[in-house]
Amino acid sequence: MDFLRSCEEITRLVEDGIAGMAGTPASGAYVKMGADGTPTKRIDQVAEDIVVSYLRDNALCETLVSEECGTIRLGDGSGTVFLDPIDGTYNAISGIPFYALSIAYAEQGTITRGFVRDLGHRETFYAEKGHGAYLDGQPVRVSPTKLLEESAISVYGRKFNPGTVLRLGQKIRRWRLFGASALELCYVASGRLDGFIDLRDTLRVTDAAAGMLLCEEAGGLVSDLNGETIAFPNEVTVGRCLVATNRVIHQKVIEYLR
């Protein structure tokens, strides 16, 4: 199995399939309630249908876990693919060029490959466990930032409980929120952000699996809010909180979140 080549083929199909949809009312048309409990919009469904069709025709995995359709047994191949066909759906519908296709591959419960395609800027992030992280084929590393006062962090907080976010926000230099978790994890991996924090307890394995591997392979650290190893179930109805940083500032971030 050539995971990267397959993902590149999937990318071409998805980009062709959703061409002209972003930023249009039709892209945001309600299709159904997704397996993750959030509404599936037309652009989500089009992208997912393309990927599912490809996976049925090519023995890339045995099981697919996707944000819209849930878990599908494909029967051929081996391992599990975690898919978010459009991460950052709101951005895509609104015409904001920050949304992505996210694909992760797991063997025996361990994520071994991650692929994230920035569909707005046509950048490709890729990682293989033990072999580093890459942006358009070039190695990437997390930032060297050592102080929270100099850091730029993307922070998602609970809408009606902003206290923790505000405490941290007063300490860091730049507070960002882009709206596509997979890409924000890749931005930590490539040193564009010093950290990514999601406090909503709604981040799913399909959102995070590929980006987490990229961040770790680039030298970063990913944990739960207590600094412990984070574990996602292999389905999309359960969310988690997550902290991803350049490793250097990780403990300080955890302390402020407590």
Protein backbone atom coordinates (compact mmCIF):
# COMPACT_ATOMS: atom_id res chain seq x y z
CA MET A 1 0.00 0.00 0.00
CA ASP A 2 1.35 3.43 -0.94
CA PHE A 3 -0.58 5.63 1.46
CA LEU A 4 0.85 8.94 0.28
CA ARG A 5 0.22 8.19 -3.40
CA SER A 6 -3.34 7.12 -2.61
CA CYS A 7 -3.96 10.30 -0.61
CA GLU A 8 -2.64 12.41 -3.48
CA GLU A 9 -5.02 10.65 -5.86
CA ILE A 10 -7.89 11.18 -3.43
CA THR A 11 -6.94 14.86 -3.17
CA ARG A 12 -7.15 15.35 -6.93
CA LEU A 13 -10.57 13.71 -7.01
CA VAL A 14 -11.89 15.75 -4.09
CA GLU A 15 -10.53 19.04 -5.43
CA ASP A 16 -12.16 18.34 -8.80
CA GLY A 17 -15.38 17.26 -7.13
CA ILE A 18 -15.82 20.37 -4.99
CA ALA A 19 -14.40 22.83 -7.54
CA GLY A 20 -16.46 26.00 -7.49
CA MET A 21 -18.48 25.00 -4.43
CA ALA A 22 -16.62 26.89 -1.69
CA GLY A 23 -18.22 30.18 -0.77
CA THR A 24 -21.55 29.36 -2.44
CA PRO A 25 -24.95 28.88 -0.77
CA ALA A 26 -25.25 25.45 -2.38
CA SER A 27 -22.16 24.19 -0.52
CA GLY A 28 -23.90 24.80 2.80
CA ALA A 29 -27.17 23.08 1.99
CA TYR A 30 -28.25 20.68 4.74
CA VAL A 31 -28.05 17.04 3.67
CA LYS A 32 -28.56 15.01 6.85
CA MET A 33 -27.45 14.69 10.45
CA GLY A 34 -23.94 13.26 10.43
CA ALA A 35 -22.73 10.30 12.48
CA ASP A 36 -20.88 12.74 14.74
CA GLY A 37 -24.14 14.45 15.69
CA THR A 38 -23.56 17.62 13.67
CA PRO A 39 -25.28 18.59 10.40
CA THR A 40 -23.71 17.29 7.20
CA LYS A 41 -23.54 20.01 4.56
CA ARG A 42 -23.46 19.36 0.84
CA ILE A 43 -19.75 20.07 0.45
CA ASP A 44 -19.04 17.54 3.24
CA GLN A 45 -21.16 14.89 1.55
CA VAL A 46 -19.67 15.40 -1.89
CA ALA A 47 -16.12 15.11 -0.55
CA GLU A 48 -16.90 12.08 1.61
CA ASP A 49 -18.68 10.23 -1.20
CA ILE A 50 -15.60 10.68 -3.40
CA VAL A 51 -13.26 9.29 -0.74
CA VAL A 52 -15.52 6.36 0.14
CA SER A 53 -15.83 5.43 -3.53
CA TYR A 54 -12.05 5.49 -3.90
CA LEU A 55 -11.54 3.35 -0.80
CA ARG A 56 -14.07 0.79 -2.04
CA ASP A 57 -12.19 0.49 -5.33
CA ASN A 58 -8.70 0.41 -3.79
CA ALA A 59 -7.56 -1.84 -0.96
CA LEU A 60 -6.28 0.94 1.28
CA CYS A 61 -7.95 -0.15 4.52
CA GLU A 62 -10.30 -2.63 6.13
CA THR A 63 -12.27 -0.08 8.16
CA LEU A 64 -13.18 3.55 7.56
CA VAL A 65 -14.16 5.93 10.35
CA SER A 66 -15.51 9.17 8.91
CA GLU A 67 -17.15 12.23 10.41
CA GLU A 68 -20.29 12.03 8.30
CA CYS A 69 -20.98 8.32 7.75
CA GLY A 70 -19.46 6.88 10.92
CA THR A 71 -17.80 3.45 10.73
CA ILE A 72 -17.84 1.43 7.51
CA ARG A 73 -16.38 -2.05 7.06
CA LEU A 74 -14.79 -2.18 3.63
CA GLY A 75 -13.51 -5.74 3.91
CA ASP A 76 -10.38 -5.42 1.78
CA GLY A 77 -6.94 -4.26 2.81
CA SER A 78 -5.93 -3.88 6.46
CA GLY A 79 -5.87 -1.21 9.12
CA THR A 80 -8.21 1.71 9.73
CA VAL A 81 -8.53 5.05 7.97
CA PHE A 82 -9.80 8.07 9.92
CA LEU A 83 -11.31 10.65 7.59
CA ASP A 84 -12.53 14.20 7.86
CA PRO A 85 -13.57 15.01 4.29
CA ILE A 86 -13.84 18.75 4.98
CA ASP A 87 -12.28 19.97 8.21
CA GLY A 88 -13.40 23.56 8.63
CA THR A 89 -16.77 23.26 6.92
CA TYR A 90 -17.93 26.71 8.04
CA ASN A 91 -14.85 28.28 6.49
CA ALA A 92 -15.40 26.41 3.22
CA ILE A 93 -19.05 27.43 3.02
CA SER A 94 -18.20 31.05 3.85
CA GLY A 95 -15.40 31.24 1.32
CA ILE A 96 -12.67 31.53 3.94
CA PRO A 97 -9.64 29.69 2.49
CA PHE A 98 -8.80 27.66 5.59
CA TYR A 99 -10.26 24.16 5.33
CA ALA A 100 -8.75 20.78 4.69
CA LEU A 101 -9.00 17.12 3.79
CA SER A 102 -7.63 15.03 6.67
CA ILE A 103 -6.73 11.33 6.37
CA ALA A 104 -4.96 9.18 8.98
CA TYR A 105 -4.03 5.51 8.81
CA ALA A 106 -3.80 3.24 11.86
CA GLU A 107 -2.31 -0.20 12.25
CA GLN A 108 -3.16 -2.24 15.35
CA GLY A 109 -4.51 0.83 17.10
CA THR A 110 -1.53 3.11 16.36
CA ILE A 111 -1.63 6.01 13.91
CA THR A 112 1.29 5.42 11.56
CA ARG A 113 0.59 7.87 8.72
CA GLY A 114 -1.11 11.22 8.51
CA PHE A 115 -2.07 13.36 5.52
CA VAL A 116 -3.65 16.81 5.56
CA ARG A 117 -4.34 18.78 2.39
CA ASP A 118 -4.99 22.49 2.78
CA LEU A 119 -7.73 22.85 0.18
CA GLY A 120 -7.66 26.64 0.36
CA HIS A 121 -3.93 27.14 -0.22
CA ARG A 122 -3.05 23.83 -1.95
CA GLU A 123 -0.44 22.81 0.62
CA THR A 124 0.16 19.17 1.57
CA PHE A 125 1.23 18.07 5.05
CA TYR A 126 2.37 14.48 5.52
CA ALA A 127 3.92 12.41 8.30
CA GLU A 128 4.96 8.82 8.83
CA LYS A 129 5.60 7.52 12.32
CA GLY A 130 9.33 7.47 12.97
CA HIS A 131 10.14 9.24 9.71
CA GLY A 132 9.33 12.90 10.36
CA ALA A 133 6.81 15.45 9.13
CA TYR A 134 6.76 17.22 5.78
CA LEU A 135 5.16 20.18 4.02
CA ASP A 136 5.09 19.79 0.25
CA GLY A 137 7.91 17.27 0.53
CA GLN A 138 10.19 19.41 2.72
CA PRO A 139 10.87 18.52 6.39
CA VAL A 140 9.23 20.73 9.01
CA ARG A 141 9.90 21.30 12.70
CA VAL A 142 8.01 22.98 15.50
CA SER A 143 8.99 26.47 16.62
CA PRO A 144 11.79 27.15 19.13
CA THR A 145 9.66 29.60 21.16
CA LYS A 146 10.42 29.25 24.88
CA LEU A 147 8.19 31.83 26.57
CA LEU A 148 4.40 32.05 26.69
CA GLU A 149 4.80 35.82 26.49
CA GLU A 150 6.29 35.37 23.00
CA SER A 151 3.98 32.61 21.82
CA ALA A 152 1.21 32.49 19.24
CA ILE A 153 -1.45 29.93 20.16
CA SER A 154 -4.77 28.98 18.62
CA VAL A 155 -7.30 28.53 21.42
CA TYR A 156 -10.82 27.12 21.30
CA GLY A 157 -12.92 27.59 24.44
CA ARG A 158 -16.39 26.68 25.58
CA LYS A 159 -18.80 29.40 24.53
CA PHE A 160 -20.36 29.87 27.95
CA ASN A 161 -17.27 29.21 30.09
CA PRO A 162 -14.50 31.51 28.84
CA GLY A 163 -12.59 31.86 32.11
CA THR A 164 -9.79 29.39 31.40
CA VAL A 165 -9.24 30.76 27.90
CA LEU A 166 -9.09 34.32 29.16
CA ARG A 167 -6.50 33.47 31.83
CA LEU A 168 -4.24 31.89 29.24
CA GLY A 169 -5.02 34.62 26.72
CA GLN A 170 -3.69 37.27 29.08
CA LYS A 171 -0.35 35.47 29.22
CA ILE A 172 0.37 34.60 25.59
CA ARG A 173 1.40 37.18 23.01
CA ARG A 174 -0.91 36.27 20.15
CA TRP A 175 -4.26 34.49 20.40
CA ARG A 176 -5.56 32.99 17.18
CA LEU A 177 -8.57 30.89 16.15
CA PHE A 178 -8.71 29.70 12.55
CA GLY A 179 -11.55 27.16 12.52
CA ALA A 180 -9.94 23.98 11.16
CA SER A 181 -8.34 21.78 13.81
CA ALA A 182 -6.40 19.49 11.47
CA LEU A 183 -4.72 22.45 9.81
CA GLU A 184 -4.02 24.18 13.11
CA LEU A 185 -2.19 21.08 14.32
CA CYS A 186 -0.19 21.17 11.09
CA TYR A 187 0.61 24.82 11.74
CA VAL A 188 2.10 23.82 15.08
CA ALA A 189 4.09 21.11 13.29
CA SER A 190 5.48 23.61 10.79
CA GLY A 191 6.30 26.30 13.36
CA ARG A 192 3.64 28.72 12.21
CA LEU A 193 1.91 28.42 15.59
CA ASP A 194 3.50 27.61 18.93
CA GLY A 195 0.42 25.78 20.17
CA PHE A 196 -3.12 24.63 19.53
CA ILE A 197 -5.59 24.13 22.39
CA ASP A 198 -9.16 22.84 22.21
CA LEU A 199 -11.08 23.05 25.48
CA ARG A 200 -14.54 22.29 24.09
CA ASP A 201 -14.45 18.51 24.70
CA THR A 202 -15.83 18.03 21.17
CA LEU A 203 -12.66 17.28 19.17
CA ARG A 204 -13.03 13.87 17.51
CA VAL A 205 -10.52 11.34 16.30
CA THR A 206 -11.34 12.21 12.68
CA ASP A 207 -10.45 15.87 13.35
CA ALA A 208 -7.21 15.20 15.16
CA ALA A 209 -5.57 11.88 14.19
CA ALA A 210 -3.54 13.04 11.18
CA GLY A 211 -2.60 16.41 12.66
CA MET A 212 -1.50 14.87 15.96
CA LEU A 213 0.95 12.59 14.18
CA LEU A 214 2.31 15.52 12.17
CA CYS A 215 2.81 17.58 15.31
CA GLU A 216 4.58 14.77 17.15
CA GLU A 217 6.78 13.83 14.20
CA ALA A 218 7.83 17.48 13.91
CA GLY A 219 9.04 17.46 17.51
CA GLY A 220 5.88 18.70 19.20
CA LEU A 221 3.92 17.30 22.13
CA VAL A 222 0.21 16.43 22.24
CA SER A 223 -1.66 15.67 25.46
CA ASP A 224 -4.91 16.02 27.36
CA LEU A 225 -5.50 18.97 29.70
CA ASN A 226 -3.51 17.28 32.47
CA GLY A 227 -0.46 16.68 30.31
CA GLU A 228 -1.24 12.97 30.01
CA THR A 229 -1.35 10.87 26.84
CA ILE A 230 -4.56 11.53 24.97
CA ALA A 231 -6.63 8.61 23.72
CA PHE A 232 -9.52 8.82 21.27
CA PRO A 233 -12.08 6.05 20.75
CA ASN A 234 -12.40 4.74 17.21
CA GLU A 235 -15.72 6.42 16.57
CA VAL A 236 -17.08 9.90 16.11
CA THR A 237 -19.67 10.41 18.84
CA VAL A 238 -17.11 11.06 21.59
CA GLY A 239 -15.04 14.23 21.77
CA ARG A 240 -11.94 15.16 23.71
CA CYS A 241 -9.99 18.23 24.85
CA LEU A 242 -6.47 18.56 23.46
CA VAL A 243 -3.27 20.52 23.99
CA ALA A 244 -0.60 20.53 21.27
CA THR A 245 2.54 22.64 21.51
CA ASN A 246 6.15 22.91 20.37
CA ARG A 247 6.98 20.86 23.51
CA VAL A 248 9.09 23.66 25.04
CA ILE A 249 6.10 25.61 26.40
CA HIS A 250 3.87 22.60 27.03
CA GLN A 251 4.20 22.39 30.80
CA LYS A 252 3.58 26.13 31.22
CA VAL A 253 0.43 25.89 29.11
CA ILE A 254 -0.81 22.97 31.22
CA GLU A 255 -0.18 24.95 34.41
CA TYR A 256 -2.27 27.90 33.21
CA LEU A 257 -5.07 25.63 32.06
CA ARG A 258 -5.26 24.13 35.53
